[in-house]
Amino acid sequence: MIRKPRQSGNNPLTTSYLQVIAHYHAKPGNGDQVSRLLAELAEATRTESANLYYEYFRSPADPNHFVILEKYRDADGLTAHRESAHFQHLGFGTIIPLLDRRMVESHWVEAQAA
């Protein structure tokens, strides 16, 4: 499925942001369930005021491997996301127990002069 990125009204070239890249590896047999739950989590996360972008991708070579790309206005936005009711329930409470492993990185992206 091809998804059109949500327009944030901010040009990422002129606005600094926090880029989060997560790799989720579902336990064998849990890929479809993780995919459904990520769809719910994505929908809820996109309503957060500090979220600029949230998409997830499932590997065609390994259906248990997901890459999640997230952008937040700042580190406080990521903290608010992690503390949100939907992430506590769907992320920590439901998705993470279905994973074999996960890796999450965050990188500050500086604005470029216009």
N, C-alpha and C. Protein backbone atom coordinates (compact mmCIF):
# COMPACT_ATOMS: atom_id res chain seq x y z
N MET A 1 0.84 -1.16 0.00
CA MET A 1 0.00 0.00 0.00
C MET A 1 0.89 1.24 0.00
N ILE A 2 0.59 2.19 -0.84
CA ILE A 2 1.33 3.45 -0.88
C ILE A 2 0.52 4.48 -0.12
N ARG A 3 1.18 5.13 0.82
CA ARG A 3 0.52 6.14 1.63
C ARG A 3 1.07 7.50 1.29
N LYS A 4 0.21 8.47 1.17
CA LYS A 4 0.64 9.83 0.95
C LYS A 4 1.07 10.41 2.29
N PRO A 5 2.30 10.95 2.39
CA PRO A 5 2.74 11.52 3.66
C PRO A 5 1.82 12.64 4.11
N ARG A 6 1.60 12.69 5.41
CA ARG A 6 0.78 13.76 5.98
C ARG A 6 1.54 15.06 5.86
N GLN A 7 0.87 16.09 5.41
CA GLN A 7 1.50 17.39 5.28
C GLN A 7 1.45 18.09 6.63
N SER A 8 2.60 18.51 7.12
CA SER A 8 2.67 19.15 8.43
C SER A 8 2.64 20.67 8.32
N GLY A 9 2.78 21.20 7.13
CA GLY A 9 2.84 22.63 6.98
C GLY A 9 4.24 23.16 7.24
N ASN A 10 5.16 22.31 7.60
CA ASN A 10 6.54 22.71 7.86
C ASN A 10 7.44 22.07 6.83
N ASN A 11 8.32 22.87 6.28
CA ASN A 11 9.30 22.36 5.34
C ASN A 11 10.45 21.78 6.14
N PRO A 12 10.74 20.47 6.02
CA PRO A 12 11.80 19.89 6.82
C PRO A 12 13.18 20.47 6.52
N LEU A 13 13.33 21.18 5.43
CA LEU A 13 14.62 21.78 5.12
C LEU A 13 14.84 23.08 5.90
N THR A 14 13.78 23.73 6.35
CA THR A 14 13.91 24.99 7.06
C THR A 14 13.47 24.89 8.51
N THR A 15 13.08 23.71 8.96
CA THR A 15 12.63 23.51 10.33
C THR A 15 13.39 22.33 10.94
N SER A 16 14.00 22.55 12.10
CA SER A 16 14.68 21.45 12.79
C SER A 16 13.64 20.49 13.35
N TYR A 17 14.02 19.22 13.49
CA TYR A 17 13.10 18.23 14.03
C TYR A 17 13.88 17.04 14.57
N LEU A 18 13.20 16.22 15.35
CA LEU A 18 13.78 15.00 15.87
C LEU A 18 13.31 13.84 15.01
N GLN A 19 14.25 13.14 14.39
CA GLN A 19 13.95 11.98 13.54
C GLN A 19 14.14 10.72 14.37
N VAL A 20 13.12 9.86 14.40
CA VAL A 20 13.20 8.59 15.10
C VAL A 20 13.10 7.47 14.07
N ILE A 21 14.00 6.51 14.19
CA ILE A 21 14.01 5.34 13.31
C ILE A 21 13.97 4.11 14.21
N ALA A 22 12.93 3.31 14.07
CA ALA A 22 12.78 2.12 14.91
C ALA A 22 12.71 0.88 14.02
N HIS A 23 13.35 -0.17 14.48
CA HIS A 23 13.27 -1.48 13.83
C HIS A 23 12.61 -2.42 14.82
N TYR A 24 11.48 -2.96 14.44
CA TYR A 24 10.77 -3.93 15.27
C TYR A 24 10.85 -5.29 14.57
N HIS A 25 11.23 -6.30 15.32
CA HIS A 25 11.30 -7.67 14.81
C HIS A 25 10.30 -8.50 15.61
N ALA A 26 9.20 -8.84 14.97
CA ALA A 26 8.15 -9.63 15.64
C ALA A 26 8.62 -11.06 15.85
N LYS A 27 8.13 -11.65 16.93
CA LYS A 27 8.36 -13.08 17.14
C LYS A 27 7.68 -13.82 15.99
N PRO A 28 8.23 -14.96 15.57
CA PRO A 28 7.63 -15.71 14.46
C PRO A 28 6.13 -15.94 14.67
N GLY A 29 5.38 -15.65 13.61
CA GLY A 29 3.93 -15.83 13.65
C GLY A 29 3.15 -14.62 14.14
N ASN A 30 3.84 -13.56 14.58
CA ASN A 30 3.16 -12.38 15.12
C ASN A 30 3.15 -11.19 14.17
N GLY A 31 3.73 -11.34 12.97
CA GLY A 31 3.85 -10.22 12.05
C GLY A 31 2.54 -9.57 11.68
N ASP A 32 1.52 -10.37 11.37
CA ASP A 32 0.22 -9.80 10.97
C ASP A 32 -0.42 -9.02 12.12
N GLN A 33 -0.33 -9.55 13.32
CA GLN A 33 -0.90 -8.87 14.48
C GLN A 33 -0.15 -7.56 14.76
N VAL A 34 1.18 -7.59 14.68
CA VAL A 34 1.96 -6.38 14.89
C VAL A 34 1.60 -5.34 13.83
N SER A 35 1.42 -5.76 12.59
CA SER A 35 1.04 -4.83 11.53
C SER A 35 -0.30 -4.16 11.82
N ARG A 36 -1.29 -4.92 12.26
CA ARG A 36 -2.60 -4.34 12.59
C ARG A 36 -2.48 -3.35 13.75
N LEU A 37 -1.70 -3.71 14.76
CA LEU A 37 -1.54 -2.83 15.92
C LEU A 37 -0.76 -1.57 15.57
N LEU A 38 0.23 -1.69 14.70
CA LEU A 38 0.97 -0.51 14.25
C LEU A 38 0.06 0.45 13.49
N ALA A 39 -0.89 -0.08 12.74
CA ALA A 39 -1.84 0.78 12.04
C ALA A 39 -2.65 1.61 13.04
N GLU A 40 -3.09 0.98 14.13
CA GLU A 40 -3.82 1.71 15.18
C GLU A 40 -2.93 2.75 15.84
N LEU A 41 -1.70 2.34 16.16
CA LEU A 41 -0.77 3.25 16.82
C LEU A 41 -0.43 4.43 15.92
N ALA A 42 -0.24 4.18 14.64
CA ALA A 42 0.07 5.25 13.69
C ALA A 42 -1.06 6.27 13.64
N GLU A 43 -2.29 5.79 13.56
CA GLU A 43 -3.44 6.69 13.49
C GLU A 43 -3.51 7.59 14.73
N ALA A 44 -3.32 7.01 15.90
CA ALA A 44 -3.38 7.79 17.14
C ALA A 44 -2.19 8.75 17.25
N THR A 45 -1.01 8.30 16.86
CA THR A 45 0.20 9.13 16.97
C THR A 45 0.11 10.35 16.07
N ARG A 46 -0.47 10.20 14.90
CA ARG A 46 -0.57 11.32 13.96
C ARG A 46 -1.43 12.46 14.49
N THR A 47 -2.22 12.22 15.53
CA THR A 47 -3.05 13.28 16.11
C THR A 47 -2.29 14.08 17.17
N GLU A 48 -1.10 13.63 17.57
CA GLU A 48 -0.32 14.34 18.58
C GLU A 48 0.17 15.67 18.02
N SER A 49 0.10 16.71 18.82
CA SER A 49 0.45 18.05 18.34
C SER A 49 1.92 18.18 17.93
N ALA A 50 2.82 17.44 18.55
CA ALA A 50 4.25 17.56 18.22
C ALA A 50 4.69 16.57 17.15
N ASN A 51 3.79 15.70 16.70
CA ASN A 51 4.16 14.73 15.67
C ASN A 51 4.06 15.37 14.30
N LEU A 52 5.13 15.25 13.52
CA LEU A 52 5.16 15.79 12.16
C LEU A 52 4.98 14.70 11.11
N TYR A 53 5.31 13.46 11.48
CA TYR A 53 5.26 12.36 10.51
C TYR A 53 5.34 11.05 11.27
N TYR A 54 4.56 10.07 10.84
CA TYR A 54 4.63 8.73 11.43
C TYR A 54 4.20 7.74 10.36
N GLU A 55 5.12 6.90 9.93
CA GLU A 55 4.81 5.85 8.96
C GLU A 55 5.58 4.60 9.36
N TYR A 56 5.03 3.47 9.00
CA TYR A 56 5.73 2.21 9.24
C TYR A 56 5.72 1.40 7.95
N PHE A 57 6.73 0.56 7.81
CA PHE A 57 6.92 -0.22 6.60
C PHE A 57 7.25 -1.65 6.99
N ARG A 58 6.68 -2.60 6.29
CA ARG A 58 6.92 -4.01 6.55
C ARG A 58 7.83 -4.55 5.46
N SER A 59 8.86 -5.26 5.86
CA SER A 59 9.82 -5.80 4.90
C SER A 59 9.17 -6.88 4.04
N PRO A 60 9.31 -6.79 2.71
CA PRO A 60 8.80 -7.87 1.86
C PRO A 60 9.65 -9.14 1.97
N ALA A 61 10.91 -8.99 2.37
CA ALA A 61 11.80 -10.14 2.50
C ALA A 61 11.62 -10.85 3.85
N ASP A 62 11.23 -10.11 4.87
CA ASP A 62 11.05 -10.68 6.21
C ASP A 62 9.78 -10.07 6.80
N PRO A 63 8.63 -10.74 6.70
CA PRO A 63 7.36 -10.17 7.14
C PRO A 63 7.27 -9.93 8.65
N ASN A 64 8.29 -10.31 9.40
CA ASN A 64 8.32 -10.03 10.84
C ASN A 64 9.16 -8.80 11.17
N HIS A 65 9.71 -8.14 10.13
CA HIS A 65 10.56 -6.96 10.33
C HIS A 65 9.81 -5.71 9.88
N PHE A 66 9.74 -4.74 10.78
CA PHE A 66 9.08 -3.46 10.51
C PHE A 66 10.05 -2.33 10.76
N VAL A 67 9.99 -1.30 9.92
CA VAL A 67 10.75 -0.08 10.12
C VAL A 67 9.73 1.03 10.34
N ILE A 68 9.92 1.79 11.41
CA ILE A 68 9.01 2.88 11.75
C ILE A 68 9.80 4.17 11.66
N LEU A 69 9.29 5.13 10.90
CA LEU A 69 9.90 6.45 10.77
C LEU A 69 8.98 7.47 11.41
N GLU A 70 9.53 8.24 12.34
CA GLU A 70 8.75 9.23 13.08
C GLU A 70 9.51 10.55 13.09
N LYS A 71 8.77 11.65 13.05
CA LYS A 71 9.37 12.99 13.20
C LYS A 71 8.57 13.74 14.25
N TYR A 72 9.30 14.42 15.14
CA TYR A 72 8.69 15.23 16.19
C TYR A 72 9.33 16.61 16.18
N ARG A 73 8.58 17.59 16.63
CA ARG A 73 9.08 18.97 16.68
C ARG A 73 10.32 19.08 17.56
N ASP A 74 10.36 18.27 18.62
CA ASP A 74 11.48 18.33 19.56
C ASP A 74 11.47 17.09 20.45
N ALA A 75 12.45 16.99 21.34
CA ALA A 75 12.56 15.84 22.23
C ALA A 75 11.37 15.75 23.19
N ASP A 76 10.82 16.89 23.58
CA ASP A 76 9.64 16.88 24.44
C ASP A 76 8.46 16.22 23.74
N GLY A 77 8.37 16.40 22.43
CA GLY A 77 7.31 15.75 21.66
C GLY A 77 7.43 14.24 21.68
N LEU A 78 8.67 13.74 21.59
CA LEU A 78 8.88 12.30 21.66
C LEU A 78 8.55 11.79 23.06
N THR A 79 8.94 12.54 24.08
CA THR A 79 8.62 12.15 25.46
C THR A 79 7.10 12.10 25.65
N ALA A 80 6.40 13.10 25.14
CA ALA A 80 4.94 13.12 25.25
C ALA A 80 4.33 11.91 24.54
N HIS A 81 4.89 11.56 23.39
CA HIS A 81 4.41 10.38 22.65
C HIS A 81 4.58 9.12 23.49
N ARG A 82 5.76 8.95 24.04
CA ARG A 82 6.03 7.74 24.83
C ARG A 82 5.17 7.67 26.10
N GLU A 83 4.76 8.82 26.60
CA GLU A 83 3.92 8.86 27.81
C GLU A 83 2.42 8.85 27.50
N SER A 84 2.06 8.94 26.21
CA SER A 84 0.65 9.01 25.83
C SER A 84 -0.08 7.71 26.17
N ALA A 85 -1.37 7.83 26.40
CA ALA A 85 -2.18 6.65 26.73
C ALA A 85 -2.14 5.62 25.61
N HIS A 86 -2.19 6.08 24.35
CA HIS A 86 -2.20 5.12 23.25
C HIS A 86 -0.86 4.39 23.12
N PHE A 87 0.27 5.06 23.38
CA PHE A 87 1.54 4.35 23.30
C PHE A 87 1.72 3.42 24.50
N GLN A 88 1.30 3.86 25.66
CA GLN A 88 1.39 2.99 26.83
C GLN A 88 0.59 1.71 26.61
N HIS A 89 -0.61 1.85 26.05
CA HIS A 89 -1.47 0.68 25.82
C HIS A 89 -1.02 -0.14 24.61
N LEU A 90 -0.94 0.51 23.44
CA LEU A 90 -0.62 -0.22 22.21
C LEU A 90 0.86 -0.56 22.10
N GLY A 91 1.72 0.39 22.41
CA GLY A 91 3.15 0.16 22.27
C GLY A 91 3.69 -0.75 23.35
N PHE A 92 3.75 -0.21 24.56
CA PHE A 92 4.33 -0.99 25.67
C PHE A 92 3.47 -2.18 26.06
N GLY A 93 2.17 -1.99 26.07
CA GLY A 93 1.29 -3.05 26.58
C GLY A 93 0.98 -4.16 25.61
N THR A 94 0.96 -3.87 24.31
CA THR A 94 0.49 -4.85 23.34
C THR A 94 1.54 -5.23 22.29
N ILE A 95 2.17 -4.24 21.65
CA ILE A 95 3.11 -4.54 20.56
C ILE A 95 4.44 -5.09 21.08
N ILE A 96 5.05 -4.40 22.02
CA ILE A 96 6.39 -4.79 22.48
C ILE A 96 6.43 -6.24 22.99
N PRO A 97 5.42 -6.72 23.72
CA PRO A 97 5.47 -8.13 24.13
C PRO A 97 5.44 -9.12 22.96
N LEU A 98 5.01 -8.67 21.77
CA LEU A 98 4.97 -9.54 20.59
C LEU A 98 6.29 -9.54 19.81
N LEU A 99 7.26 -8.75 20.28
CA LEU A 99 8.52 -8.61 19.56
C LEU A 99 9.60 -9.53 20.10
N ASP A 100 10.43 -9.95 19.16
CA ASP A 100 11.64 -10.70 19.51
C ASP A 100 12.72 -9.72 19.95
N ARG A 101 12.80 -8.58 19.23
CA ARG A 101 13.74 -7.52 19.57
C ARG A 101 13.32 -6.23 18.88
N ARG A 102 13.90 -5.14 19.37
CA ARG A 102 13.65 -3.84 18.74
C ARG A 102 14.86 -2.95 18.93
N MET A 103 15.04 -2.02 18.02
CA MET A 103 16.10 -1.04 18.09
C MET A 103 15.49 0.31 17.74
N VAL A 104 15.73 1.30 18.58
CA VAL A 104 15.17 2.63 18.35
C VAL A 104 16.31 3.64 18.44
N GLU A 105 16.43 4.48 17.43
CA GLU A 105 17.43 5.55 17.39
C GLU A 105 16.71 6.87 17.18
N SER A 106 17.27 7.94 17.72
CA SER A 106 16.75 9.27 17.43
C SER A 106 17.91 10.19 17.07
N HIS A 107 17.65 11.09 16.13
CA HIS A 107 18.67 11.99 15.61
C HIS A 107 18.07 13.37 15.45
N TRP A 108 18.74 14.39 15.96
CA TRP A 108 18.30 15.76 15.77
C TRP A 108 18.74 16.22 14.39
N VAL A 109 17.81 16.73 13.60
CA VAL A 109 18.10 17.22 12.25
C VAL A 109 18.00 18.75 12.29
N GLU A 110 19.11 19.39 12.04
CA GLU A 110 19.17 20.86 12.07
C GLU A 110 18.56 21.46 10.81
N ALA A 111 17.90 22.57 11.00
CA ALA A 111 17.34 23.30 9.87
C ALA A 111 18.47 23.82 8.99
N GLN A 112 18.18 23.90 7.71
CA GLN A 112 19.14 24.46 6.77
C GLN A 112 18.70 25.86 6.40
N ALA A 113 19.63 26.71 6.12
CA ALA A 113 19.29 28.08 5.73
C ALA A 113 18.50 28.07 4.44
N ALA A 114 17.50 28.91 4.38
CA ALA A 114 16.64 28.99 3.20
C ALA A 114 17.33 29.71 2.08
